[in-house]
Amino acid sequence: GEEKKSVVKSFSELLKHNTENRDAMVSFGGVEALTVIARLGDDFLKSTAALEMKIVCANSDMMTTELTKVGGVPPLISMINSTDMLLQRHASQAISGLVMNPAFLDEIVAGGGIQSLVTMLVSNDDETATYACITLGRCAARNQEARKIAEDMG
């Protein structure tokens, strides 16, 4: 558990504010590896991977584009649909931080992420509902289709 977590967290430490390391991560498949962890890991690793996705892609359109290209969106949507509140929260935080990238947001909309976020609004966990609300607002403000889906769901 802790050993796996430290491997995932080491990605973000190497990449924070270092464009050279970010370029190397893309070249050597590190973004794809993070996506695999988000897809196949246990809930703890998935949750950690979601937060790390947010960190490594922060302020980097290139990293967010790469995350989208290697299939990073479906695992995040899957996490939102989980029954684990922490996993939902971390995935929602990651999506919230990445929706500035139009291609990423289009994938969220196409993959049913907006519907999942609307469902999270009625969570019994206030923090989870709050993150869903923030993320949904960011999506709807940037994408007409996202706004329409949210409005239609009431």
C-alpha atoms as a PDB file:
ATOM      1  CA  GLY A   1       0.000   0.000   0.000  1.00  0.00           C
ATOM      2  CA  GLU A   2       2.417   2.696   1.164  1.00  0.00           C
ATOM      3  CA  GLU A   3       5.094   1.610  -1.316  1.00  0.00           C
ATOM      4  CA  LYS A   4       2.638   1.850  -4.211  1.00  0.00           C
ATOM      5  CA  LYS A   5       1.430   5.233  -2.983  1.00  0.00           C
ATOM      6  CA  SER A   6       4.974   6.587  -2.866  1.00  0.00           C
ATOM      7  CA  VAL A   7       5.584   5.511  -6.466  1.00  0.00           C
ATOM      8  CA  VAL A   8       2.466   7.325  -7.644  1.00  0.00           C
ATOM      9  CA  LYS A   9       3.262  10.427  -5.572  1.00  0.00           C
ATOM     10  CA  SER A  10       6.832  10.522  -6.909  1.00  0.00           C
ATOM     11  CA  PHE A  11       5.370  11.390 -10.321  1.00  0.00           C
ATOM     12  CA  SER A  12       4.023  14.685  -9.057  1.00  0.00           C
ATOM     13  CA  GLU A  13       7.177  15.552  -7.123  1.00  0.00           C
ATOM     14  CA  LEU A  14       9.257  15.134 -10.279  1.00  0.00           C
ATOM     15  CA  LEU A  15       6.891  17.220 -12.354  1.00  0.00           C
ATOM     16  CA  LYS A  16       5.880  20.162 -10.198  1.00  0.00           C
ATOM     17  CA  HIS A  17       6.908  23.359 -11.976  1.00  0.00           C
ATOM     18  CA  ASN A  18       9.442  21.484 -14.121  1.00  0.00           C
ATOM     19  CA  THR A  19       8.552  21.472 -17.802  1.00  0.00           C
ATOM     20  CA  GLU A  20      11.623  19.429 -18.724  1.00  0.00           C
ATOM     21  CA  ASN A  21      10.507  16.607 -16.438  1.00  0.00           C
ATOM     22  CA  ARG A  22       6.946  16.895 -17.777  1.00  0.00           C
ATOM     23  CA  ASP A  23       8.212  16.512 -21.334  1.00  0.00           C
ATOM     24  CA  ALA A  24      10.220  13.450 -20.272  1.00  0.00           C
ATOM     25  CA  MET A  25       7.191  11.936 -18.537  1.00  0.00           C
ATOM     26  CA  VAL A  26       5.211  12.213 -21.763  1.00  0.00           C
ATOM     27  CA  SER A  27       8.092  10.805 -23.842  1.00  0.00           C
ATOM     28  CA  PHE A  28       8.567   7.797 -21.585  1.00  0.00           C
ATOM     29  CA  GLY A  29       4.887   6.929 -21.115  1.00  0.00           C
ATOM     30  CA  GLY A  30       4.477   8.184 -17.561  1.00  0.00           C
ATOM     31  CA  VAL A  31       1.070   9.732 -18.185  1.00  0.00           C
ATOM     32  CA  GLU A  32      -0.125   6.454 -19.647  1.00  0.00           C
ATOM     33  CA  ALA A  33       1.247   4.600 -16.592  1.00  0.00           C
ATOM     34  CA  LEU A  34      -0.700   6.928 -14.298  1.00  0.00           C
ATOM     35  CA  THR A  35      -3.820   6.226 -16.348  1.00  0.00           C
ATOM     36  CA  VAL A  36      -3.286   2.468 -16.015  1.00  0.00           C
ATOM     37  CA  ILE A  37      -3.008   2.848 -12.232  1.00  0.00           C
ATOM     38  CA  ALA A  38      -6.248   4.872 -12.240  1.00  0.00           C
ATOM     39  CA  ARG A  39      -7.958   2.135 -14.235  1.00  0.00           C
ATOM     40  CA  LEU A  40      -6.595  -1.028 -12.623  1.00  0.00           C
ATOM     41  CA  GLY A  41      -5.470  -0.152  -9.112  1.00  0.00           C
ATOM     42  CA  ASP A  42      -7.387  -0.750  -5.920  1.00  0.00           C
ATOM     43  CA  ASP A  43      -9.543   2.112  -4.616  1.00  0.00           C
ATOM     44  CA  PHE A  44      -6.628   3.587  -2.658  1.00  0.00           C
ATOM     45  CA  LEU A  45      -4.353   3.664  -5.717  1.00  0.00           C
ATOM     46  CA  LYS A  46      -7.138   4.963  -7.960  1.00  0.00           C
ATOM     47  CA  SER A  47      -7.822   7.779  -5.522  1.00  0.00           C
ATOM     48  CA  THR A  48      -4.129   8.670  -5.303  1.00  0.00           C
ATOM     49  CA  ALA A  49      -3.785   8.507  -9.091  1.00  0.00           C
ATOM     50  CA  ALA A  50      -6.736  10.887  -9.542  1.00  0.00           C
ATOM     51  CA  LEU A  51      -5.124  13.468  -7.275  1.00  0.00           C
ATOM     52  CA  GLU A  52      -1.782  13.031  -9.005  1.00  0.00           C
ATOM     53  CA  MET A  53      -3.446  13.537 -12.400  1.00  0.00           C
ATOM     54  CA  LYS A  54      -4.711  16.858 -11.150  1.00  0.00           C
ATOM     55  CA  ILE A  55      -1.270  17.849  -9.865  1.00  0.00           C
ATOM     56  CA  VAL A  56       0.790  16.804 -12.887  1.00  0.00           C
ATOM     57  CA  CYS A  57      -1.626  18.416 -15.320  1.00  0.00           C
ATOM     58  CA  ALA A  58      -2.052  21.657 -13.365  1.00  0.00           C
ATOM     59  CA  ASN A  59      -1.308  24.619 -15.586  1.00  0.00           C
ATOM     60  CA  SER A  60      -0.157  22.344 -18.396  1.00  0.00           C
ATOM     61  CA  ASP A  61      -2.370  22.058 -21.414  1.00  0.00           C
ATOM     62  CA  MET A  62       0.171  19.646 -22.930  1.00  0.00           C
ATOM     63  CA  MET A  63      -0.125  17.226 -19.991  1.00  0.00           C
ATOM     64  CA  THR A  64      -3.915  17.429 -19.958  1.00  0.00           C
ATOM     65  CA  THR A  65      -4.003  16.786 -23.708  1.00  0.00           C
ATOM     66  CA  GLU A  66      -1.706  13.787 -23.236  1.00  0.00           C
ATOM     67  CA  LEU A  67      -3.876  12.480 -20.389  1.00  0.00           C
ATOM     68  CA  THR A  68      -6.899  12.730 -22.681  1.00  0.00           C
ATOM     69  CA  LYS A  69      -5.083  10.998 -25.565  1.00  0.00           C
ATOM     70  CA  VAL A  70      -3.968   8.021 -23.459  1.00  0.00           C
ATOM     71  CA  GLY A  71      -7.441   7.352 -22.079  1.00  0.00           C
ATOM     72  CA  GLY A  72      -7.369   9.171 -18.752  1.00  0.00           C
ATOM     73  CA  VAL A  73     -10.984  10.312 -18.877  1.00  0.00           C
ATOM     74  CA  PRO A  74     -12.861   6.970 -18.607  1.00  0.00           C
ATOM     75  CA  PRO A  75     -11.149   5.962 -15.333  1.00  0.00           C
ATOM     76  CA  LEU A  76     -12.051   9.327 -13.798  1.00  0.00           C
ATOM     77  CA  ILE A  77     -15.689   8.932 -14.843  1.00  0.00           C
ATOM     78  CA  SER A  78     -15.657   5.395 -13.465  1.00  0.00           C
ATOM     79  CA  MET A  79     -14.355   6.749 -10.142  1.00  0.00           C
ATOM     80  CA  ILE A  80     -17.189   9.288  -9.999  1.00  0.00           C
ATOM     81  CA  ASN A  81     -19.617   6.391 -10.360  1.00  0.00           C
ATOM     82  CA  SER A  82     -17.995   4.485  -7.490  1.00  0.00           C
ATOM     83  CA  THR A  83     -19.775   4.003  -4.180  1.00  0.00           C
ATOM     84  CA  ASP A  84     -16.576   5.104  -2.383  1.00  0.00           C
ATOM     85  CA  MET A  85     -17.068   8.764  -1.395  1.00  0.00           C
ATOM     86  CA  LEU A  86     -13.334   9.530  -1.185  1.00  0.00           C
ATOM     87  CA  LEU A  87     -12.806   8.122  -4.660  1.00  0.00           C
ATOM     88  CA  GLN A  88     -15.709  10.213  -5.957  1.00  0.00           C
ATOM     89  CA  ARG A  89     -14.288  13.345  -4.330  1.00  0.00           C
ATOM     90  CA  HIS A  90     -10.766  12.879  -5.660  1.00  0.00           C
ATOM     91  CA  ALA A  91     -11.998  12.134  -9.187  1.00  0.00           C
ATOM     92  CA  SER A  92     -14.259  15.180  -9.069  1.00  0.00           C
ATOM     93  CA  GLN A  93     -11.346  17.340  -7.891  1.00  0.00           C
ATOM     94  CA  ALA A  94      -9.185  16.039 -10.727  1.00  0.00           C
ATOM     95  CA  ILE A  95     -11.865  16.693 -13.341  1.00  0.00           C
ATOM     96  CA  SER A  96     -12.519  20.149 -11.911  1.00  0.00           C
ATOM     97  CA  GLY A  97      -8.876  21.057 -12.335  1.00  0.00           C
ATOM     98  CA  LEU A  98      -8.633  19.716 -15.876  1.00  0.00           C
ATOM     99  CA  VAL A  99     -11.774  21.062 -17.570  1.00  0.00           C
ATOM    100  CA  MET A 100      -9.962  24.154 -18.824  1.00  0.00           C
ATOM    101  CA  ASN A 101      -8.762  21.894 -21.649  1.00  0.00           C
ATOM    102  CA  PRO A 102     -11.569  21.729 -24.263  1.00  0.00           C
ATOM    103  CA  ALA A 103     -10.638  18.234 -25.503  1.00  0.00           C
ATOM    104  CA  PHE A 104     -10.677  16.897 -21.932  1.00  0.00           C
ATOM    105  CA  LEU A 105     -14.044  18.519 -21.248  1.00  0.00           C
ATOM    106  CA  ASP A 106     -15.486  17.149 -24.497  1.00  0.00           C
ATOM    107  CA  GLU A 107     -14.441  13.644 -23.376  1.00  0.00           C
ATOM    108  CA  ILE A 108     -16.104  14.164 -19.980  1.00  0.00           C
ATOM    109  CA  VAL A 109     -19.339  15.227 -21.691  1.00  0.00           C
ATOM    110  CA  ALA A 110     -19.231  12.397 -24.257  1.00  0.00           C
ATOM    111  CA  GLY A 111     -18.418   9.808 -21.586  1.00  0.00           C
ATOM    112  CA  GLY A 112     -21.411  10.592 -19.392  1.00  0.00           C
ATOM    113  CA  GLY A 113     -19.446  12.490 -16.770  1.00  0.00           C
ATOM    114  CA  ILE A 114     -21.963  15.318 -16.523  1.00  0.00           C
ATOM    115  CA  GLN A 115     -24.785  12.939 -15.654  1.00  0.00           C
ATOM    116  CA  SER A 116     -22.574  11.340 -13.002  1.00  0.00           C
ATOM    117  CA  LEU A 117     -21.719  14.729 -11.489  1.00  0.00           C
ATOM    118  CA  VAL A 118     -25.409  15.686 -11.342  1.00  0.00           C
ATOM    119  CA  THR A 119     -26.118  12.420  -9.503  1.00  0.00           C
ATOM    120  CA  MET A 120     -23.340  13.235  -7.010  1.00  0.00           C
ATOM    121  CA  LEU A 121     -25.132  16.472  -6.067  1.00  0.00           C
ATOM    122  CA  VAL A 122     -27.529  14.519  -3.859  1.00  0.00           C
ATOM    123  CA  SER A 123     -24.782  12.619  -2.045  1.00  0.00           C
ATOM    124  CA  ASN A 124     -25.240  12.018   1.676  1.00  0.00           C
ATOM    125  CA  ASP A 125     -21.687  13.317   2.086  1.00  0.00           C
ATOM    126  CA  ASP A 126     -21.647  17.133   2.051  1.00  0.00           C
ATOM    127  CA  GLU A 127     -18.027  17.375   0.899  1.00  0.00           C
ATOM    128  CA  THR A 128     -18.670  15.034  -2.033  1.00  0.00           C
ATOM    129  CA  ALA A 129     -21.751  17.026  -3.061  1.00  0.00           C
ATOM    130  CA  THR A 130     -19.762  20.274  -2.799  1.00  0.00           C
ATOM    131  CA  TYR A 131     -16.986  19.006  -5.086  1.00  0.00           C
ATOM    132  CA  ALA A 132     -19.590  17.764  -7.561  1.00  0.00           C
ATOM    133  CA  CYS A 133     -21.261  21.183  -7.555  1.00  0.00           C
ATOM    134  CA  ILE A 134     -17.991  23.040  -8.165  1.00  0.00           C
ATOM    135  CA  THR A 135     -16.939  20.653 -10.921  1.00  0.00           C
ATOM    136  CA  LEU A 136     -20.335  20.704 -12.598  1.00  0.00           C
ATOM    137  CA  GLY A 137     -20.346  24.513 -12.537  1.00  0.00           C
ATOM    138  CA  ARG A 138     -16.939  24.651 -14.210  1.00  0.00           C
ATOM    139  CA  CYS A 139     -18.058  22.184 -16.878  1.00  0.00           C
ATOM    140  CA  ALA A 140     -21.349  23.980 -17.567  1.00  0.00           C
ATOM    141  CA  ALA A 141     -19.631  27.375 -17.771  1.00  0.00           C
ATOM    142  CA  ARG A 142     -17.302  26.120 -20.505  1.00  0.00           C
ATOM    143  CA  ASN A 143     -19.463  23.760 -22.542  1.00  0.00           C
ATOM    144  CA  GLN A 144     -22.994  24.313 -23.886  1.00  0.00           C
ATOM    145  CA  GLU A 145     -23.741  20.603 -24.091  1.00  0.00           C
ATOM    146  CA  ALA A 146     -22.675  20.112 -20.459  1.00  0.00           C
ATOM    147  CA  ARG A 147     -24.977  22.968 -19.431  1.00  0.00           C
ATOM    148  CA  LYS A 148     -27.907  21.501 -21.376  1.00  0.00           C
ATOM    149  CA  ILE A 149     -27.410  18.016 -19.875  1.00  0.00           C
ATOM    150  CA  ALA A 150     -27.329  19.464 -16.358  1.00  0.00           C
ATOM    151  CA  GLU A 151     -30.427  21.579 -16.991  1.00  0.00           C
ATOM    152  CA  ASP A 152     -32.346  18.648 -18.503  1.00  0.00           C
ATOM    153  CA  MET A 153     -31.563  16.488 -15.479  1.00  0.00           C
ATOM    154  CA  GLY A 154     -33.038  19.174 -13.242  1.00  0.00           C
END
